[in-house]
Amino acid sequence: MGPIRSSLVLSAAALIGAFSSVTPALQAAEPTEDKGAKIYCYMRSSGNDHKVSWNAAYAVIKRQGRSMFKTSPEHASVMITEAVVNDPGNFRDCGQFLGDLFGGNTQPATAATLGKSTTITESTIESTDDTTRYSY
């Protein structure tokens, strides 16, 4: 093997070694859906309403997604829901807010409402305006 060819082989081996050391760091990165769920759940449990919490979580999901297409709001809601359901211990007390991602009660959580269950009536459902909920 000539000197040029052997240096190319060594260079290729060095590149493979460099990429293999980066791979674990990339695999350890937090998935986008977990980031979105953490933001949404933290903001809701801190007393923010659905709209503000949703906008913050959706912004992260849209911008940090790995797809070349923008994540739809409906898919982002499902991503957040799956992250919470798959690891409820990591998202304590967030289950009560998941319905809001799909048109439930969107009022801010307060200390008084965190312990109470909310009854949804027909008038509550009729007053929800879903046409502008996920405009982007």
Protein backbone atom coordinates (compact mmCIF):
# COMPACT_ATOMS: atom_id res chain seq x y z
CA MET A 1 0.00 0.00 0.00
CA GLY A 2 1.38 3.40 -0.97
CA PRO A 3 1.92 6.34 1.42
CA ILE A 4 -1.09 8.27 0.09
CA ARG A 5 -3.41 5.32 0.38
CA SER A 6 -2.28 4.48 3.93
CA SER A 7 -2.78 8.09 5.03
CA LEU A 8 -6.32 8.00 3.61
CA VAL A 9 -7.03 4.81 5.55
CA LEU A 10 -5.71 6.43 8.73
CA SER A 11 -7.79 9.55 8.09
CA ALA A 12 -10.92 7.46 7.57
CA ALA A 13 -10.23 5.56 10.79
CA ALA A 14 -9.81 8.85 12.65
CA LEU A 15 -13.15 10.11 11.29
CA ILE A 16 -14.95 6.92 12.31
CA GLY A 17 -13.47 7.22 15.78
CA ALA A 18 -14.58 10.86 16.02
CA PHE A 19 -18.14 10.03 14.95
CA SER A 20 -18.41 7.08 17.32
CA SER A 21 -17.52 9.34 20.25
CA VAL A 22 -20.24 11.83 19.21
CA THR A 23 -22.96 9.19 18.81
CA PRO A 24 -23.49 8.54 22.55
CA ALA A 25 -23.88 12.28 23.14
CA LEU A 26 -26.52 12.48 20.44
CA GLN A 27 -28.34 9.46 21.83
CA ALA A 28 -28.33 10.98 25.30
CA ALA A 29 -30.07 14.13 24.07
CA GLU A 30 -33.55 14.63 25.48
CA PRO A 31 -36.31 13.83 22.96
CA THR A 32 -38.29 16.81 21.70
CA GLU A 33 -41.59 15.43 22.98
CA ASP A 34 -40.15 15.18 26.50
CA LYS A 35 -38.98 18.78 26.32
CA GLY A 36 -42.42 19.90 25.16
CA ALA A 37 -44.15 17.90 27.88
CA LYS A 38 -41.85 19.27 30.58
CA ILE A 39 -42.49 22.84 29.48
CA TYR A 40 -46.26 22.39 29.18
CA CYS A 41 -46.63 20.55 32.49
CA TYR A 42 -44.34 22.87 34.43
CA MET A 43 -46.11 25.97 33.17
CA ARG A 44 -49.59 24.56 33.84
CA SER A 45 -48.69 23.39 37.35
CA SER A 46 -47.25 26.87 37.98
CA GLY A 47 -50.66 28.41 37.32
CA ASN A 48 -50.39 29.44 33.67
CA ASP A 49 -53.38 28.91 31.41
CA HIS A 50 -53.45 26.44 28.55
CA LYS A 51 -52.79 28.95 25.77
CA VAL A 52 -49.56 30.34 27.20
CA SER A 53 -48.28 26.90 28.20
CA TRP A 54 -49.25 25.41 24.83
CA ASN A 55 -47.55 28.19 22.85
CA ALA A 56 -44.29 27.68 24.75
CA ALA A 57 -44.33 23.88 24.41
CA TYR A 58 -45.37 23.91 20.76
CA ALA A 59 -42.65 26.43 19.87
CA VAL A 60 -40.01 24.02 21.22
CA ILE A 61 -41.54 21.02 19.46
CA LYS A 62 -41.77 22.86 16.13
CA ARG A 63 -38.26 24.26 16.20
CA GLN A 64 -36.41 21.28 17.64
CA GLY A 65 -38.19 18.53 15.73
CA ARG A 66 -36.03 16.28 13.57
CA SER A 67 -38.42 16.10 10.63
CA MET A 68 -38.05 18.27 7.56
CA PHE A 69 -41.79 18.99 7.89
CA LYS A 70 -43.25 21.14 10.65
CA THR A 71 -45.02 19.14 13.37
CA SER A 72 -48.77 19.78 13.32
CA PRO A 73 -50.41 21.05 16.50
CA GLU A 74 -52.50 17.90 16.74
CA HIS A 75 -49.41 15.68 16.51
CA ALA A 76 -47.59 17.83 19.07
CA SER A 77 -50.53 17.35 21.47
CA VAL A 78 -50.28 13.59 20.98
CA MET A 79 -46.49 13.73 21.50
CA ILE A 80 -46.93 15.57 24.82
CA THR A 81 -49.67 13.17 25.91
CA GLU A 82 -47.56 10.11 25.07
CA ALA A 83 -44.55 11.51 26.94
CA VAL A 84 -46.65 12.09 30.07
CA VAL A 85 -48.42 8.72 29.89
CA ASN A 86 -45.17 6.83 29.23
CA ASP A 87 -43.45 8.37 32.26
CA PRO A 88 -46.07 9.68 34.72
CA GLY A 89 -43.54 9.79 37.57
CA ASN A 90 -41.53 12.37 35.66
CA PHE A 91 -44.64 14.51 35.03
CA ARG A 92 -46.41 14.49 38.39
CA ASP A 93 -49.91 16.00 38.45
CA CYS A 94 -49.78 16.70 34.72
CA GLY A 95 -52.40 14.15 33.74
CA GLN A 96 -55.12 16.57 34.82
CA PHE A 97 -54.04 19.01 32.09
CA LEU A 98 -53.84 16.58 29.16
CA GLY A 99 -57.50 17.00 28.28
CA ASP A 100 -56.85 20.68 27.70
CA LEU A 101 -54.64 19.74 24.76
CA PHE A 102 -57.72 18.31 23.09
CA GLY A 103 -60.29 21.00 23.93
CA GLY A 104 -61.01 20.48 27.62
CA ASN A 105 -60.99 23.12 30.35
CA THR A 106 -58.33 25.68 29.45
CA GLN A 107 -58.48 27.84 32.57
CA PRO A 108 -55.34 28.37 34.67
CA ALA A 109 -54.84 25.90 37.50
CA THR A 110 -55.14 27.34 40.99
CA ALA A 111 -54.59 25.80 44.40
CA ALA A 112 -58.37 25.54 44.77
CA THR A 113 -58.90 23.78 41.43
CA LEU A 114 -55.93 21.41 41.66
CA GLY A 115 -57.74 19.33 44.29
CA LYS A 116 -61.20 19.46 42.67
CA SER A 117 -62.55 17.59 39.70
CA THR A 118 -64.14 19.69 36.99
CA THR A 119 -67.49 18.77 35.48
CA ILE A 120 -67.76 19.53 31.80
CA THR A 121 -71.26 20.43 30.69
CA GLU A 122 -72.76 20.86 27.24
CA SER A 123 -72.50 24.64 27.56
CA THR A 124 -68.77 24.32 28.34
CA ILE A 125 -68.24 22.25 25.21
CA GLU A 126 -70.28 24.63 23.05
CA SER A 127 -68.28 27.64 24.26
CA THR A 128 -64.96 26.13 23.16
CA ASP A 129 -63.74 27.70 19.92
CA ASP A 130 -61.59 25.02 18.29
CA THR A 131 -61.23 26.84 14.98
CA THR A 132 -58.52 29.18 16.23
CA ARG A 133 -57.02 26.92 18.88
CA TYR A 134 -54.22 25.57 16.72
CA SER A 135 -53.81 28.22 14.07
CA TYR A 136 -50.23 28.48 12.92
